[in-house]
Amino acid sequence: MLEIDTNLQLPDGEYEWKFARSGGPGGQNVNKVASKASLIWKVQTSTAIPDYVKIRLALRHVRFFNSDGTLTITSQRFRDQDRNRQDCIEKLATIVEDARHAPKVRKATKPTRGSKERRIEDKKKHAAVKQGRRVKGE
């Protein structure tokens, strides 16, 4: 059971891990050890999260999804597999937590009196600058 939040857990059967040789620093260790971790999760078939979270995940975090709708998170920041697995879990928890909360709706507001006055004053200054550039005879 992968615990993302106290209210949200993913059963072990819903996701899988794949490991590969990682690039980057590590010397000969890189050539021998499969330290790159990839978490693969079929979000659409998941029963652990509600549909509205699935939709928000797909809309907000498009880069993690491939063409068949599978979410793939990879990590190769660290030199050992366990820390890369933990990094994948933290990334997953972050994006799921982000998708759980609806974005705040922006309320349209009217411009203030002061902002209107500043805008008009700026327009007058700009017009005066352009007026000063004109040739007198034309």
Protein backbone atom coordinates (compact mmCIF):
# COMPACT_ATOMS: atom_id res chain seq x y z
CA MET A 1 0.00 0.00 0.00
CA LEU A 2 1.47 3.32 -1.13
CA GLU A 3 0.32 6.07 1.22
CA ILE A 4 0.19 9.43 -0.54
CA ASP A 5 -1.86 11.15 2.12
CA THR A 6 -3.70 10.10 5.28
CA ASN A 7 -6.91 10.06 3.20
CA LEU A 8 -5.43 8.58 0.03
CA GLN A 9 -3.64 5.26 -0.41
CA LEU A 10 -2.82 3.42 -3.63
CA PRO A 11 -3.07 -0.37 -3.48
CA ASP A 12 0.11 -2.19 -4.58
CA GLY A 13 -1.61 -3.74 -7.60
CA GLU A 14 -2.41 -0.37 -9.20
CA TYR A 15 1.14 0.67 -10.00
CA GLU A 16 4.37 -1.03 -10.99
CA TRP A 17 8.06 -0.25 -10.85
CA LYS A 18 10.65 -0.49 -13.58
CA PHE A 19 14.36 0.01 -13.12
CA ALA A 20 17.09 0.85 -15.60
CA ARG A 21 20.68 1.96 -15.67
CA SER A 22 20.93 5.60 -14.85
CA GLY A 23 23.01 8.26 -16.55
CA GLY A 24 24.96 10.98 -14.82
CA PRO A 25 27.58 10.77 -12.07
CA GLY A 26 28.55 7.54 -10.42
CA GLY A 27 31.63 6.23 -12.23
CA GLN A 28 31.68 2.48 -12.80
CA ASN A 29 28.66 2.12 -10.51
CA VAL A 30 26.47 3.58 -13.28
CA ASN A 31 27.38 0.73 -15.63
CA LYS A 32 26.58 -2.00 -13.10
CA VAL A 33 23.54 -0.92 -11.08
CA ALA A 34 19.99 -0.25 -12.25
CA SER A 35 19.38 2.80 -10.07
CA LYS A 36 16.94 4.75 -12.26
CA ALA A 37 13.40 4.21 -10.97
CA SER A 38 10.18 4.55 -12.98
CA LEU A 39 6.75 4.42 -11.36
CA ILE A 40 4.04 3.40 -13.86
CA TRP A 41 0.39 3.91 -12.93
CA LYS A 42 -2.71 3.39 -15.07
CA VAL A 43 -4.72 6.27 -13.69
CA GLN A 44 -7.94 5.61 -15.65
CA THR A 45 -8.36 2.12 -14.16
CA SER A 46 -7.55 3.26 -10.63
CA THR A 47 -10.22 2.87 -7.97
CA ALA A 48 -8.24 4.73 -5.30
CA ILE A 49 -8.92 8.26 -6.54
CA PRO A 50 -12.15 9.97 -7.62
CA ASP A 51 -12.86 10.82 -11.26
CA TYR A 52 -12.51 14.59 -10.78
CA VAL A 53 -8.94 14.06 -9.54
CA LYS A 54 -8.16 11.87 -12.56
CA ILE A 55 -9.40 14.60 -14.90
CA ARG A 56 -7.42 17.33 -13.14
CA LEU A 57 -4.31 15.14 -13.16
CA ALA A 58 -4.61 14.64 -16.91
CA LEU A 59 -5.18 18.36 -17.54
CA ARG A 60 -2.60 19.84 -15.19
CA HIS A 61 0.24 17.34 -15.50
CA VAL A 62 0.20 16.37 -19.16
CA ARG A 63 3.96 15.79 -19.30
CA PHE A 64 3.71 12.73 -17.03
CA PHE A 65 1.19 10.97 -19.29
CA ASN A 66 1.94 8.98 -22.42
CA SER A 67 -0.39 8.36 -25.38
CA ASP A 68 -2.31 5.48 -23.78
CA GLY A 69 -3.08 7.46 -20.60
CA THR A 70 -0.47 5.85 -18.36
CA LEU A 71 1.24 8.10 -15.83
CA THR A 72 5.01 7.57 -15.67
CA ILE A 73 7.23 9.25 -13.11
CA THR A 74 10.98 8.67 -13.28
CA SER A 75 13.86 9.63 -11.04
CA GLN A 76 17.59 9.26 -11.45
CA ARG A 77 18.75 12.05 -9.13
CA PHE A 78 20.42 9.72 -6.68
CA ARG A 79 22.98 6.95 -6.98
CA ASP A 80 20.87 4.28 -5.29
CA GLN A 81 17.56 2.73 -6.26
CA ASP A 82 15.78 3.19 -2.93
CA ARG A 83 16.24 6.95 -2.85
CA ASN A 84 15.09 7.22 -6.47
CA ARG A 85 11.98 5.17 -5.60
CA GLN A 86 11.29 7.49 -2.69
CA ASP A 87 11.76 10.49 -4.99
CA CYS A 88 9.18 9.06 -7.42
CA ILE A 89 6.72 8.58 -4.57
CA GLU A 90 7.24 12.16 -3.41
CA LYS A 91 6.68 13.47 -6.94
CA LEU A 92 3.50 11.41 -7.25
CA ALA A 93 2.22 12.64 -3.89
CA THR A 94 2.87 16.24 -4.93
CA ILE A 95 1.02 16.05 -8.24
CA VAL A 96 -1.93 14.09 -6.81
CA GLU A 97 -2.23 16.56 -3.93
CA ASP A 98 -2.18 19.40 -6.45
CA ALA A 99 -4.93 17.74 -8.51
CA ARG A 100 -7.13 17.08 -5.48
CA HIS A 101 -7.70 20.77 -4.82
CA ALA A 102 -9.80 22.80 -7.22
CA PRO A 103 -8.15 25.97 -8.49
CA LYS A 104 -9.36 29.18 -6.92
CA VAL A 105 -11.89 30.90 -9.17
CA ARG A 106 -10.83 34.40 -10.15
CA LYS A 107 -13.44 37.04 -9.39
CA ALA A 108 -13.64 39.86 -11.90
CA THR A 109 -13.16 43.27 -10.29
CA LYS A 110 -13.60 46.79 -11.56
CA PRO A 111 -10.62 49.13 -11.81
CA THR A 112 -10.28 51.51 -8.88
CA ARG A 113 -10.69 55.26 -9.23
CA GLY A 114 -6.99 55.77 -8.56
CA SER A 115 -5.94 53.28 -11.23
CA LYS A 116 -8.20 55.02 -13.77
CA GLU A 117 -6.69 58.40 -12.89
CA ARG A 118 -3.12 57.05 -13.15
CA ARG A 119 -3.89 55.53 -16.55
CA ILE A 120 -5.28 58.83 -17.88
CA GLU A 121 -2.31 60.75 -16.46
CA ASP A 122 0.14 58.34 -18.12
CA LYS A 123 -1.70 58.74 -21.42
CA LYS A 124 -1.44 62.53 -21.15
CA LYS A 125 2.31 62.34 -20.41
CA HIS A 126 2.87 60.00 -23.36
CA ALA A 127 0.85 62.29 -25.65
CA ALA A 128 2.90 65.29 -24.50
CA VAL A 129 6.16 63.44 -25.28
CA LYS A 130 4.90 62.61 -28.77
CA GLN A 131 3.66 66.21 -29.24
CA GLY A 132 7.15 67.43 -28.41
CA ARG A 133 8.66 65.24 -31.15
CA ARG A 134 6.51 66.81 -33.89
CA VAL A 135 8.07 69.22 -36.36
CA LYS A 136 6.64 72.72 -35.82
CA GLY A 137 5.92 73.52 -39.49
CA GLU A 138 3.71 70.51 -40.20
